[in-house]
Protein backbone atom coordinates (compact mmCIF):
# COMPACT_ATOMS: atom_id res chain seq x y z
CA MET A 1 0.00 0.00 0.00
CA SER A 2 1.31 3.41 -0.88
CA PRO A 3 1.47 5.97 1.92
CA VAL A 4 -1.09 8.67 2.50
CA ALA A 5 -0.70 11.40 -0.10
CA ASP A 6 1.78 14.05 0.95
CA HIS A 7 -0.63 16.93 0.27
CA ALA A 8 -2.89 18.31 3.00
CA PRO A 9 -6.09 16.40 3.69
CA TYR A 10 -9.20 17.39 1.78
CA ASP A 11 -12.18 19.09 3.35
CA VAL A 12 -14.63 16.66 1.75
CA ALA A 13 -14.20 13.36 -0.09
CA ILE A 14 -17.08 12.18 -2.29
CA VAL A 15 -17.36 8.53 -3.26
CA GLY A 16 -19.47 8.18 -6.40
CA PHE A 17 -19.64 10.52 -9.39
CA GLY A 18 -23.23 9.94 -10.52
CA PRO A 19 -25.72 12.82 -10.44
CA THR A 20 -25.76 13.14 -6.64
CA GLY A 21 -21.98 13.06 -6.32
CA ALA A 22 -21.43 15.39 -9.28
CA ILE A 23 -23.88 17.94 -7.89
CA ALA A 24 -22.31 17.77 -4.44
CA ALA A 25 -18.86 18.28 -5.98
CA GLY A 26 -20.12 21.20 -8.05
CA LEU A 27 -21.73 22.91 -5.06
CA LEU A 28 -18.65 22.48 -2.87
CA GLY A 29 -16.30 23.41 -5.71
CA LYS A 30 -18.21 26.62 -6.33
CA LYS A 31 -17.46 27.59 -2.74
CA GLY A 32 -13.75 26.79 -3.12
CA ILE A 33 -13.92 23.87 -0.69
CA ARG A 34 -11.13 21.34 -1.26
CA THR A 35 -13.01 18.32 -2.53
CA PHE A 36 -11.85 14.88 -3.66
CA VAL A 37 -14.13 12.76 -5.90
CA CYS A 38 -13.65 9.15 -6.92
CA ASP A 39 -15.68 6.63 -8.91
CA LYS A 40 -15.20 3.19 -10.41
CA SER A 41 -16.42 4.34 -13.83
CA HIS A 42 -14.50 6.61 -16.16
CA GLU A 43 -17.54 7.47 -18.27
CA VAL A 44 -21.19 8.28 -17.74
CA TYR A 45 -23.49 5.31 -18.38
CA ASP A 46 -24.66 5.83 -21.96
CA LYS A 47 -28.31 4.85 -21.44
CA PRO A 48 -31.08 6.61 -19.52
CA ARG A 49 -32.05 5.54 -16.04
CA ALA A 50 -33.64 8.60 -14.43
CA ILE A 51 -36.13 10.27 -16.78
CA ALA A 52 -38.08 12.84 -14.74
CA MET A 53 -37.35 15.73 -12.41
CA ASP A 54 -39.12 18.78 -11.03
CA HIS A 55 -38.71 22.53 -10.76
CA GLU A 56 -36.76 22.34 -7.52
CA ILE A 57 -33.99 20.58 -9.44
CA SER A 58 -34.18 23.03 -12.35
CA ARG A 59 -33.81 25.85 -9.83
CA LEU A 60 -30.65 24.19 -8.53
CA PHE A 61 -29.22 23.94 -12.05
CA GLN A 62 -29.91 27.66 -12.40
CA HIS A 63 -28.00 28.30 -9.16
CA MET A 64 -25.08 26.16 -10.35
CA GLY A 65 -24.88 28.07 -13.63
CA VAL A 66 -25.61 25.04 -15.85
CA GLY A 67 -29.30 25.61 -16.48
CA LYS A 68 -28.85 26.94 -20.01
CA GLN A 69 -26.59 24.01 -20.95
CA ILE A 70 -29.07 21.48 -19.62
CA LYS A 71 -32.24 23.10 -21.00
CA PRO A 72 -31.93 21.57 -24.54
CA HIS A 73 -32.14 18.12 -22.95
CA LEU A 74 -35.42 18.86 -21.13
CA GLU A 75 -39.04 18.77 -22.21
CA PRO A 76 -42.24 19.41 -20.23
CA PHE A 77 -43.70 16.29 -18.62
CA THR A 78 -47.10 15.49 -20.10
CA ASP A 79 -50.06 14.72 -17.88
CA SER A 80 -50.18 11.17 -16.53
CA VAL A 81 -53.56 9.49 -17.09
CA PHE A 82 -54.61 6.50 -14.96
CA TYR A 83 -56.83 3.89 -16.63
CA GLY A 84 -58.79 1.37 -14.59
CA VAL A 85 -59.86 -2.23 -15.06
CA ASP A 86 -62.22 -1.53 -17.95
CA GLY A 87 -60.06 1.09 -19.63
CA GLN A 88 -61.84 4.09 -18.13
CA MET A 89 -59.96 7.14 -16.79
CA ILE A 90 -59.89 7.04 -12.98
CA LYS A 91 -57.21 9.64 -12.16
CA ARG A 92 -55.13 12.31 -13.88
CA MET A 93 -51.93 13.94 -12.63
CA SER A 94 -50.85 17.22 -14.16
CA THR A 95 -48.80 20.24 -13.16
CA VAL A 96 -49.49 23.52 -11.41
CA ALA A 97 -50.68 26.36 -13.62
CA ALA A 98 -48.58 29.31 -14.71
CA PRO A 99 -47.20 31.61 -13.45
CA TYR A 100 -44.97 28.90 -12.06
CA PRO A 101 -44.05 29.18 -8.37
CA LEU A 102 -40.32 28.59 -8.95
CA SER A 103 -40.31 30.23 -12.42
CA HIS A 104 -39.36 26.89 -14.01
CA THR A 105 -41.57 24.31 -15.69
CA PRO A 106 -42.80 22.34 -12.65
CA SER A 107 -42.29 18.85 -14.11
CA VAL A 108 -39.93 17.86 -16.92
CA VAL A 109 -38.53 14.77 -18.59
CA PHE A 110 -34.87 14.70 -19.56
CA THR A 111 -32.17 12.65 -21.25
CA GLN A 112 -29.82 11.52 -18.50
CA PRO A 113 -26.46 10.83 -20.22
CA PRO A 114 -25.87 14.36 -21.62
CA VAL A 115 -27.22 15.99 -18.46
CA GLU A 116 -24.93 13.87 -16.30
CA ASN A 117 -21.95 14.74 -18.51
CA ILE A 118 -22.68 18.44 -18.04
CA LEU A 119 -22.80 17.96 -14.27
CA ARG A 120 -19.50 16.06 -14.29
CA GLU A 121 -17.81 18.70 -16.45
CA HIS A 122 -19.08 21.45 -14.19
CA ALA A 123 -17.76 19.72 -11.08
CA GLY A 124 -14.36 19.16 -12.69
CA SER A 125 -14.12 22.80 -13.79
CA HIS A 126 -13.50 24.03 -10.23
CA PRO A 127 -9.81 24.24 -9.23
CA SER A 128 -10.63 23.05 -5.72
CA VAL A 129 -12.09 19.74 -6.99
CA THR A 130 -9.79 16.75 -7.60
CA LEU A 131 -11.15 13.83 -9.64
CA GLN A 132 -9.79 10.27 -9.62
CA LEU A 133 -11.78 7.85 -11.79
CA GLY A 134 -11.28 4.12 -12.11
CA MET A 135 -10.93 3.88 -8.33
CA THR A 136 -12.63 1.43 -5.97
CA VAL A 137 -13.06 2.10 -2.25
CA THR A 138 -11.89 -0.88 -0.21
CA GLY A 139 -11.52 0.63 3.24
CA LEU A 140 -12.76 3.51 5.41
CA THR A 141 -11.59 4.46 8.88
CA GLN A 142 -11.98 7.61 10.93
CA ASP A 143 -10.57 9.26 14.01
CA ALA A 144 -11.19 12.48 15.90
CA ASP A 145 -9.84 14.63 13.08
CA PHE A 146 -10.23 12.88 9.71
CA ALA A 147 -11.76 10.03 7.77
CA THR A 148 -9.37 7.96 5.65
CA LEU A 149 -10.39 6.21 2.43
CA THR A 150 -8.38 3.28 1.10
CA LEU A 151 -8.61 3.09 -2.71
CA HIS A 152 -7.48 0.61 -5.33
CA ASN A 153 -7.02 1.55 -8.97
CA GLU A 154 -7.66 -0.76 -11.92
CA GLN A 155 -4.12 -2.13 -11.71
CA GLY A 156 -4.65 -3.12 -8.09
CA GLN A 157 -2.43 -0.40 -6.63
CA ALA A 158 -3.59 0.99 -3.30
CA SER A 159 -3.59 4.56 -2.03
CA GLN A 160 -5.20 6.54 0.74
CA VAL A 161 -7.00 9.86 0.93
CA LYS A 162 -7.80 11.81 4.07
CA ALA A 163 -10.69 14.26 4.44
CA ARG A 164 -12.54 15.99 7.22
CA TYR A 165 -15.80 14.57 5.90
CA VAL A 166 -16.84 11.81 3.48
CA ILE A 167 -20.05 11.60 1.47
CA GLY A 168 -21.07 8.19 0.12
CA CYS A 169 -22.92 8.77 -3.14
CA ASP A 170 -21.98 5.34 -4.45
CA GLY A 171 -25.35 3.87 -5.28
CA ALA A 172 -27.67 1.17 -4.02
CA SER A 173 -24.83 -1.27 -3.24
CA SER A 174 -22.83 1.47 -1.50
CA ALA A 175 -19.42 0.44 -0.16
CA VAL A 176 -19.41 3.51 2.09
CA ARG A 177 -22.70 2.49 3.66
CA THR A 178 -21.40 -1.03 4.24
CA LEU A 179 -18.04 0.10 5.64
CA THR A 180 -19.73 2.44 8.14
CA ASP A 181 -22.32 -0.15 9.24
CA ILE A 182 -25.32 1.88 8.11
CA GLN A 183 -28.32 -0.38 7.55
CA LEU A 184 -31.33 0.00 5.25
CA GLU A 185 -34.84 -0.09 6.67
CA ASP A 186 -37.47 -1.79 4.52
CA LEU A 187 -40.57 0.35 3.98
CA GLY A 188 -42.48 -2.55 2.50
CA PHE A 189 -42.35 -2.58 -1.30
CA ASP A 190 -40.64 -5.26 -3.36
CA GLU A 191 -41.81 -6.08 -6.90
CA PRO A 192 -40.11 -7.25 -10.12
CA TRP A 193 -40.51 -5.00 -13.16
CA LEU A 194 -39.09 -4.69 -16.65
CA VAL A 195 -37.99 -1.20 -17.70
CA VAL A 196 -37.80 -0.59 -21.45
CA ASP A 197 -36.55 2.48 -23.32
CA VAL A 198 -37.32 2.73 -27.03
CA GLN A 199 -36.30 5.21 -29.70
CA VAL A 200 -39.61 5.24 -31.57
CA ASN A 201 -39.86 6.11 -35.27
CA GLU A 202 -42.61 8.18 -36.89
CA ARG A 203 -44.72 5.13 -37.64
CA GLY A 204 -44.54 4.03 -34.02
CA LEU A 205 -45.22 7.50 -32.59
CA ALA A 206 -48.50 7.63 -34.52
CA LYS A 207 -49.71 4.57 -32.57
CA LEU A 208 -48.92 5.80 -29.07
CA PRO A 209 -50.94 7.81 -26.52
CA ALA A 210 -50.57 11.58 -26.42
CA THR A 211 -50.04 11.57 -22.63
CA SER A 212 -48.09 9.43 -20.23
CA VAL A 213 -50.24 6.60 -18.90
CA GLN A 214 -50.58 4.42 -15.81
CA TYR A 215 -52.33 1.19 -16.83
CA CYS A 216 -53.92 0.02 -13.56
CA ASN A 217 -54.68 -3.38 -15.05
CA PRO A 218 -54.64 -6.30 -12.58
CA ALA A 219 -53.42 -8.66 -15.31
CA ARG A 220 -50.33 -6.56 -16.06
CA PRO A 221 -49.85 -3.18 -14.34
CA SER A 222 -47.74 -0.97 -16.61
CA THR A 223 -46.48 2.58 -17.00
CA TYR A 224 -45.90 4.51 -20.23
CA VAL A 225 -43.80 7.68 -20.12
CA ILE A 226 -43.28 10.20 -22.91
CA GLY A 227 -39.63 11.22 -22.80
CA PRO A 228 -37.79 13.88 -24.78
CA GLY A 229 -37.94 13.67 -28.58
CA ASN A 230 -38.80 10.16 -29.71
CA HIS A 231 -37.75 8.53 -26.43
CA ARG A 232 -40.53 6.48 -24.85
CA ARG A 233 -40.31 4.38 -21.70
CA TRP A 234 -42.36 1.45 -20.46
CA GLU A 235 -42.26 0.02 -16.96
CA ILE A 236 -44.02 -3.36 -17.10
CA SER A 237 -44.72 -5.57 -14.11
CA ILE A 238 -43.47 -9.15 -14.20
CA ASN A 239 -46.02 -11.81 -13.37
CA ASP A 240 -45.48 -14.86 -11.19
CA GLY A 241 -43.73 -17.65 -13.05
CA GLU A 242 -42.12 -15.38 -15.65
CA ASP A 243 -38.34 -15.42 -16.03
CA PRO A 244 -36.94 -11.86 -15.77
CA LYS A 245 -33.87 -12.85 -17.81
CA VAL A 246 -36.06 -14.03 -20.70
CA LEU A 247 -38.21 -10.89 -20.57
CA ALA A 248 -35.07 -8.71 -20.75
CA THR A 249 -34.02 -10.26 -24.08
CA PRO A 250 -35.10 -8.40 -27.24
CA GLU A 251 -37.52 -11.21 -28.07
CA GLY A 252 -39.07 -11.22 -24.61
CA THR A 253 -39.28 -7.44 -24.48
CA TRP A 254 -41.00 -7.08 -27.87
CA LYS A 255 -43.62 -9.62 -26.79
CA LEU A 256 -44.52 -7.42 -23.83
CA LEU A 257 -44.51 -4.29 -26.01
CA ALA A 258 -46.90 -5.91 -28.50
CA PRO A 259 -49.98 -3.98 -27.24
CA TRP A 260 -48.23 -0.78 -28.30
CA LEU A 261 -45.47 -1.41 -30.86
CA THR A 262 -43.82 -3.91 -33.18
CA PRO A 263 -40.07 -4.18 -33.87
CA GLU A 264 -40.66 -2.17 -37.05
CA ASP A 265 -41.83 0.81 -34.96
CA GLY A 266 -38.61 1.62 -33.18
CA GLU A 267 -35.27 0.55 -31.75
CA LEU A 268 -34.70 -0.82 -28.27
CA TRP A 269 -32.43 1.54 -26.36
CA ARG A 270 -32.37 -0.25 -23.01
CA GLN A 271 -34.22 -3.10 -21.38
CA ALA A 272 -33.48 -4.21 -17.84
CA THR A 273 -35.29 -5.99 -15.05
CA TYR A 274 -35.36 -4.52 -11.55
CA ARG A 275 -36.88 -5.16 -8.20
CA PHE A 276 -38.56 -1.91 -7.22
CA HIS A 277 -37.79 -1.32 -3.54
CA ALA A 278 -38.75 1.11 -0.80
CA LEU A 279 -35.71 1.40 1.46
CA VAL A 280 -34.22 4.14 3.65
CA ALA A 281 -31.01 4.26 5.69
CA ASP A 282 -31.53 3.83 9.43
CA HIS A 283 -29.11 6.70 10.02
CA TRP A 284 -27.45 9.05 7.55
CA ARG A 285 -24.34 10.02 9.49
CA ASN A 286 -21.68 7.96 11.20
CA GLY A 287 -19.07 10.32 12.66
CA ARG A 288 -17.44 12.06 9.72
CA VAL A 289 -19.24 9.98 7.10
CA PHE A 290 -22.59 10.67 5.41
CA VAL A 291 -24.67 8.79 2.85
CA ALA A 292 -26.73 10.39 0.08
CA GLY A 293 -28.66 9.42 -3.04
CA ASP A 294 -29.29 5.74 -3.72
CA ALA A 295 -26.80 4.89 -0.98
CA ALA A 296 -29.31 6.35 1.49
CA HIS A 297 -32.66 5.44 -0.06
CA GLN A 298 -34.43 3.68 -2.89
CA GLN A 299 -38.04 4.14 -3.90
CA PRO A 300 -40.46 2.90 -6.55
CA PRO A 301 -40.40 5.07 -9.70
CA PHE A 302 -44.08 5.97 -9.92
CA LEU A 303 -43.55 9.73 -9.47
CA GLY A 304 -40.07 9.98 -11.02
CA GLN A 305 -38.52 11.17 -7.74
CA GLY A 306 -35.49 8.89 -7.45
CA MET A 307 -32.85 11.27 -8.78
CA CYS A 308 -34.65 14.28 -7.31
CA GLN A 309 -34.32 12.79 -3.86
CA GLY A 310 -30.58 12.38 -4.29
CA VAL A 311 -30.21 15.96 -5.50
CA ARG A 312 -32.10 17.20 -2.44
CA ASP A 313 -29.70 15.21 -0.27
CA ALA A 314 -26.70 16.87 -1.90
CA VAL A 315 -28.09 20.39 -1.53
CA ASN A 316 -29.21 19.84 2.05
CA LEU A 317 -25.83 18.50 3.13
CA CYS A 318 -23.59 20.83 1.13
CA TRP A 319 -24.95 24.11 2.46
CA ARG A 320 -24.41 22.73 5.97
CA LEU A 321 -20.85 21.62 5.13
CA THR A 322 -20.16 25.09 3.73
CA ALA A 323 -21.43 26.69 6.93
CA VAL A 324 -19.23 24.42 9.08
CA LEU A 325 -16.10 24.60 6.91
CA GLN A 326 -16.18 28.28 5.98
CA GLU A 327 -18.58 30.18 8.22
CA GLY A 328 -17.76 28.92 11.70
CA ALA A 329 -20.95 26.94 12.24
CA ALA A 330 -20.86 24.13 14.78
CA ASP A 331 -20.32 20.57 13.57
CA THR A 332 -23.63 19.66 15.23
CA LEU A 333 -25.39 21.52 12.39
CA LEU A 334 -24.59 18.46 10.26
CA ASP A 335 -26.70 16.22 12.49
CA SER A 336 -29.93 17.75 11.21
CA TYR A 337 -29.10 16.65 7.64
CA GLY A 338 -30.12 13.07 8.34
CA THR A 339 -33.02 14.09 10.56
CA GLU A 340 -34.53 16.19 7.79
CA ARG A 341 -33.80 13.99 4.84
CA LYS A 342 -34.81 10.68 6.41
CA ALA A 343 -38.18 12.07 7.51
CA HIS A 344 -38.79 13.69 4.11
CA VAL A 345 -37.72 10.64 2.10
CA THR A 346 -39.79 8.32 4.29
CA GLU A 347 -42.93 10.42 3.89
CA LEU A 348 -42.52 10.91 0.14
CA THR A 349 -41.76 7.22 -0.35
CA THR A 350 -44.90 6.37 1.62
CA ARG A 351 -46.91 8.58 -0.74
CA ILE A 352 -45.22 7.01 -3.76
CA LYS A 353 -46.05 3.58 -2.37
CA GLY A 354 -49.69 4.68 -2.10
CA ILE A 355 -49.74 5.57 -5.78
CA GLY A 356 -47.92 2.32 -6.55
CA LYS A 357 -50.53 0.34 -4.62
CA LEU A 358 -53.25 2.04 -6.63
CA ILE A 359 -51.51 1.10 -9.89
CA THR A 360 -50.51 -2.45 -8.96
CA GLU A 361 -53.70 -3.89 -7.42
CA ARG A 362 -53.84 -7.48 -8.72
CA ASP A 363 -57.25 -8.52 -7.40
CA VAL A 364 -59.88 -7.71 -10.04
CA GLY A 365 -62.65 -7.19 -7.51
CA LYS A 366 -60.54 -4.86 -5.39
CA ALA A 367 -59.38 -3.02 -8.52
CA ARG A 368 -62.98 -2.40 -9.61
CA ALA A 369 -63.80 -1.15 -6.12
CA ARG A 370 -60.78 1.17 -6.37
CA ASP A 371 -62.03 2.53 -9.69
CA GLU A 372 -65.54 3.08 -8.33
CA LYS A 373 -64.21 4.83 -5.23
CA LEU A 374 -61.98 7.22 -7.20
CA LEU A 375 -64.77 8.09 -9.62
CA ALA A 376 -67.26 8.58 -6.80
CA GLU A 377 -64.87 10.94 -5.01
CA CYS A 378 -64.69 13.21 -8.05
CA GLY A 379 -68.38 12.95 -8.91
CA GLY A 380 -67.61 11.03 -12.06
CA VAL A 381 -65.55 13.89 -13.51
CA VAL A 382 -61.79 13.28 -13.23
CA LYS A 383 -59.99 16.52 -12.43
CA PRO A 384 -56.23 16.98 -12.88
CA MET A 385 -54.19 16.80 -9.67
CA PRO A 386 -50.84 18.64 -9.73
CA ARG A 387 -47.88 16.32 -9.12
CA GLN A 388 -46.46 19.01 -6.85
CA ASP A 389 -49.29 18.41 -4.36
CA VAL A 390 -47.68 15.06 -3.52
CA GLN A 391 -44.43 16.69 -2.36
CA PRO A 392 -44.29 16.85 1.47
CA ALA A 393 -42.82 19.64 3.55
CA LEU A 394 -39.85 19.21 5.85
CA THR A 395 -41.16 18.36 9.30
CA ALA A 396 -38.04 17.76 11.38
CA GLY A 397 -34.58 19.27 11.67
CA LEU A 398 -33.47 22.88 11.40
CA LEU A 399 -36.91 24.48 11.47
CA SER A 400 -38.64 27.03 13.66
CA SER A 401 -40.60 25.65 16.59
CA VAL A 402 -43.55 27.76 15.43
CA VAL A 403 -45.65 25.37 13.36
CA HIS A 404 -47.26 26.74 10.19
CA PRO A 405 -48.23 25.09 6.88
CA ALA A 406 -45.56 27.13 5.08
CA ARG A 407 -42.75 26.05 7.40
CA GLY A 408 -40.52 23.47 5.68
CA THR A 409 -41.86 24.22 2.20
CA ILE A 410 -39.90 25.76 -0.67
CA PHE A 411 -40.00 29.53 -0.92
CA PRO A 412 -41.17 30.76 -4.34
CA GLN A 413 -38.84 32.24 -6.91
CA PRO A 414 -40.69 35.01 -8.75
CA LEU A 415 -39.66 36.79 -11.90
CA LEU A 416 -38.46 40.28 -10.97
CA LEU A 417 -38.84 43.43 -13.02
CA GLN A 418 -35.58 45.25 -13.66
CA PRO A 419 -35.27 49.03 -14.16
CA HIS A 420 -34.72 48.57 -17.90
CA GLY A 421 -37.87 46.44 -18.20
CA ASP A 422 -36.32 42.97 -18.39
CA LYS A 423 -37.58 40.08 -16.27
CA VAL A 424 -35.06 38.01 -14.31
CA ARG A 425 -35.40 35.18 -11.81
CA MET A 426 -35.05 36.21 -8.17
CA ASP A 427 -32.11 33.91 -7.45
CA ASP A 428 -30.09 35.50 -10.25
CA VAL A 429 -30.38 38.84 -8.44
CA HIS A 430 -30.41 37.57 -4.85
CA PRO A 431 -28.43 34.31 -4.77
CA ALA A 432 -29.01 31.45 -2.36
CA GLY A 433 -28.25 32.25 1.27
CA TRP A 434 -30.05 33.13 4.48
CA LYS A 435 -32.81 35.64 3.73
CA VAL A 436 -35.73 37.35 5.40
CA VAL A 437 -38.41 38.39 2.93
CA PHE A 438 -41.19 40.77 4.02
CA SER A 439 -44.61 41.22 2.47
CA ALA A 440 -45.46 44.54 0.82
CA THR A 441 -47.59 45.43 3.85
CA ALA A 442 -44.98 44.64 6.53
CA SER A 443 -44.19 47.58 8.80
CA ASP A 444 -40.73 49.12 9.18
CA ALA A 445 -40.49 47.36 12.54
CA PHE A 446 -39.86 44.08 10.70
CA ALA A 447 -36.72 45.50 9.09
CA GLN A 448 -35.52 46.70 12.49
CA ALA A 449 -36.12 43.24 13.96
CA ALA A 450 -34.12 41.62 11.16
CA LYS A 451 -31.01 43.61 12.09
CA HIS A 452 -30.54 41.62 15.28
CA HIS A 453 -29.48 38.12 14.34
CA HIS A 454 -26.66 35.57 14.51
CA LEU A 455 -26.64 34.52 10.85
CA PRO A 456 -23.78 35.18 8.43
CA ALA A 457 -24.66 37.57 5.61
CA LEU A 458 -28.40 37.59 6.21
CA VAL A 459 -30.19 39.48 3.41
CA ALA A 460 -33.44 41.33 4.14
CA LEU A 461 -35.80 42.08 1.24
CA LYS A 462 -39.22 43.69 1.07
CA LEU A 463 -41.74 42.90 -1.61
CA GLY A 464 -42.46 45.97 -3.72
CA SER A 465 -39.09 47.58 -3.05
CA PRO A 466 -36.78 48.33 -6.00
CA GLU A 467 -34.82 45.18 -5.10
CA LEU A 468 -37.92 42.96 -5.11
CA THR A 469 -40.48 44.19 -7.64
CA GLU A 470 -42.11 41.15 -9.16
CA ALA A 471 -43.62 40.75 -12.62
CA GLU A 472 -46.42 38.24 -12.06
CA GLY A 473 -47.62 38.56 -8.47
CA VAL A 474 -46.36 35.14 -7.39
CA LEU A 475 -45.00 36.35 -4.04
CA GLN A 476 -47.92 38.66 -3.35
CA ARG A 477 -50.37 35.79 -3.74
CA TRP A 478 -48.11 33.56 -1.63
CA PHE A 479 -48.09 36.01 1.29
CA GLU A 480 -51.87 36.49 1.01
CA LYS A 481 -52.46 32.73 1.00
CA GLN A 482 -50.15 32.08 3.96
CA GLY A 483 -51.43 35.04 5.98
CA VAL A 484 -47.96 36.06 7.22
CA GLU A 485 -45.78 39.16 6.99
CA ALA A 486 -42.29 37.64 6.85
CA ALA A 487 -40.49 34.42 5.93
CA ILE A 488 -37.04 33.26 7.05
CA ILE A 489 -35.44 31.32 4.19
CA ARG A 490 -32.51 28.92 4.39
CA PRO A 491 -29.68 28.62 1.83
CA ASP A 492 -31.49 25.65 0.22
CA HIS A 493 -34.63 27.80 -0.29
CA TYR A 494 -36.62 25.90 2.32
CA ILE A 495 -38.54 28.06 4.79
CA TYR A 496 -37.14 27.96 8.33
CA GLY A 497 -40.16 29.81 9.70
CA VAL A 498 -42.79 32.45 9.03
CA CYS A 499 -43.83 35.41 11.19
CA HIS A 500 -46.91 37.51 11.78
CA THR A 501 -45.28 40.19 13.96
CA PRO A 502 -41.85 41.82 14.38
CA GLN A 503 -41.66 40.24 17.83
CA GLU A 504 -42.07 36.75 16.30
CA LEU A 505 -39.33 37.53 13.80
CA SER A 506 -36.96 38.73 16.54
CA HIS A 507 -37.61 35.61 18.59
CA GLN A 508 -37.10 33.17 15.71
CA LEU A 509 -33.87 34.86 14.59
CA ASP A 510 -32.61 34.95 18.17
CA VAL A 511 -33.18 31.21 18.54
CA LEU A 512 -31.56 30.45 15.19
CA LYS A 513 -27.88 30.16 16.09
CA LEU A 514 -25.67 28.02 13.88
CA VAL A 515 -22.39 28.61 15.74
């Protein structure tokens, strides 16, 4: 084994250079934090796995400065229509109406390989980020000051890297999770499915539905997703007695696609069998080591939240690491990462499981009862339900003790009017960080209260001021709906707390001490 590298230890070492690891490296690199990244693979996997994401992730890409590069690989997500036993519509999921609350299309589909390449290139562009690909983690120890990774390259040569903190973003079979004795809790979902991606030609496209579809058919529950361009995806349940290996062959796959397409209608891009799981790490921190992304959780794909969850992990952890490494915050701030993310992931996965149960009911009688119940609840007229309504708020962690429906939700990002008449997104003018935003009707006493705080570089903004004049009334309607005069916003855009009076604001800011 070669000795520990002779350079100073890193601040953060990231194991895994998929989307979660690349985003974490990009966020830390942007702050100039010395970051080491390793991965077994030299290249991005050339086929799509994730296919959907939401406006929270698009907002992050905007913050990172890669939004314009990624935009050509995105398209709006169509509605998802649910069909029952007899082919009738029983449910419809859509998106929130414009003007959009985060100023990005709320739900999109995307092509993963080029997007992931952009994220990798962005991470590697920062001088403070060191990349070593073709490396396998074989050991991990830690002491009072550092964690030490033992790595082996493809020739079998060993080396070691020290860092103050380690993030395991190394997937469902995470070595970091195993080496730190973090266990996965089973949330009770385990089903075999075939996932098929097809590049469909014009003839095939003419045969296919105009929306994405959930076929809630007891004989063969299936999902159809309209991806970017001519990319179409099917997720098809595997029945008892069927051999997943046979179904994953071209011959087996085309047999299952027969209700929609023939081999003359397109080209198979990817077909793979999976067991859809619902798992979450029992704890997300062990000393100086954290898990994130698929290393920390896995969920069924029915709302397209798998990659989104990993991105939220990266953002949640990296602003805390920045506060500890650069702003003098206490190391205990990092404890609330796992508290917040585990509770959020568990609740969202539970909701996804509920949708999965609706789709995958195998008993015909129970499925018909499901259809009748859903239709009765809407009076026989199926109304679109925004996908965003399924997203839970944060309920535990670094949040105000004053409970309010807005606490733990994402603060809107309106379009702002500039003096020359242009419209720009709020974050491009007022970047991510601790903020207090006041309603247009808030008294001057709120601004006075905001001056007494313990937060680094807190920015105070008032709606209607020259710094915060919006173009579409998104924030005005938000304040009216919530019935509050001020919101305290964290660096990840989640709302720490809301206030009705200057005294409430003073109290919440006084309690909020990160050091």
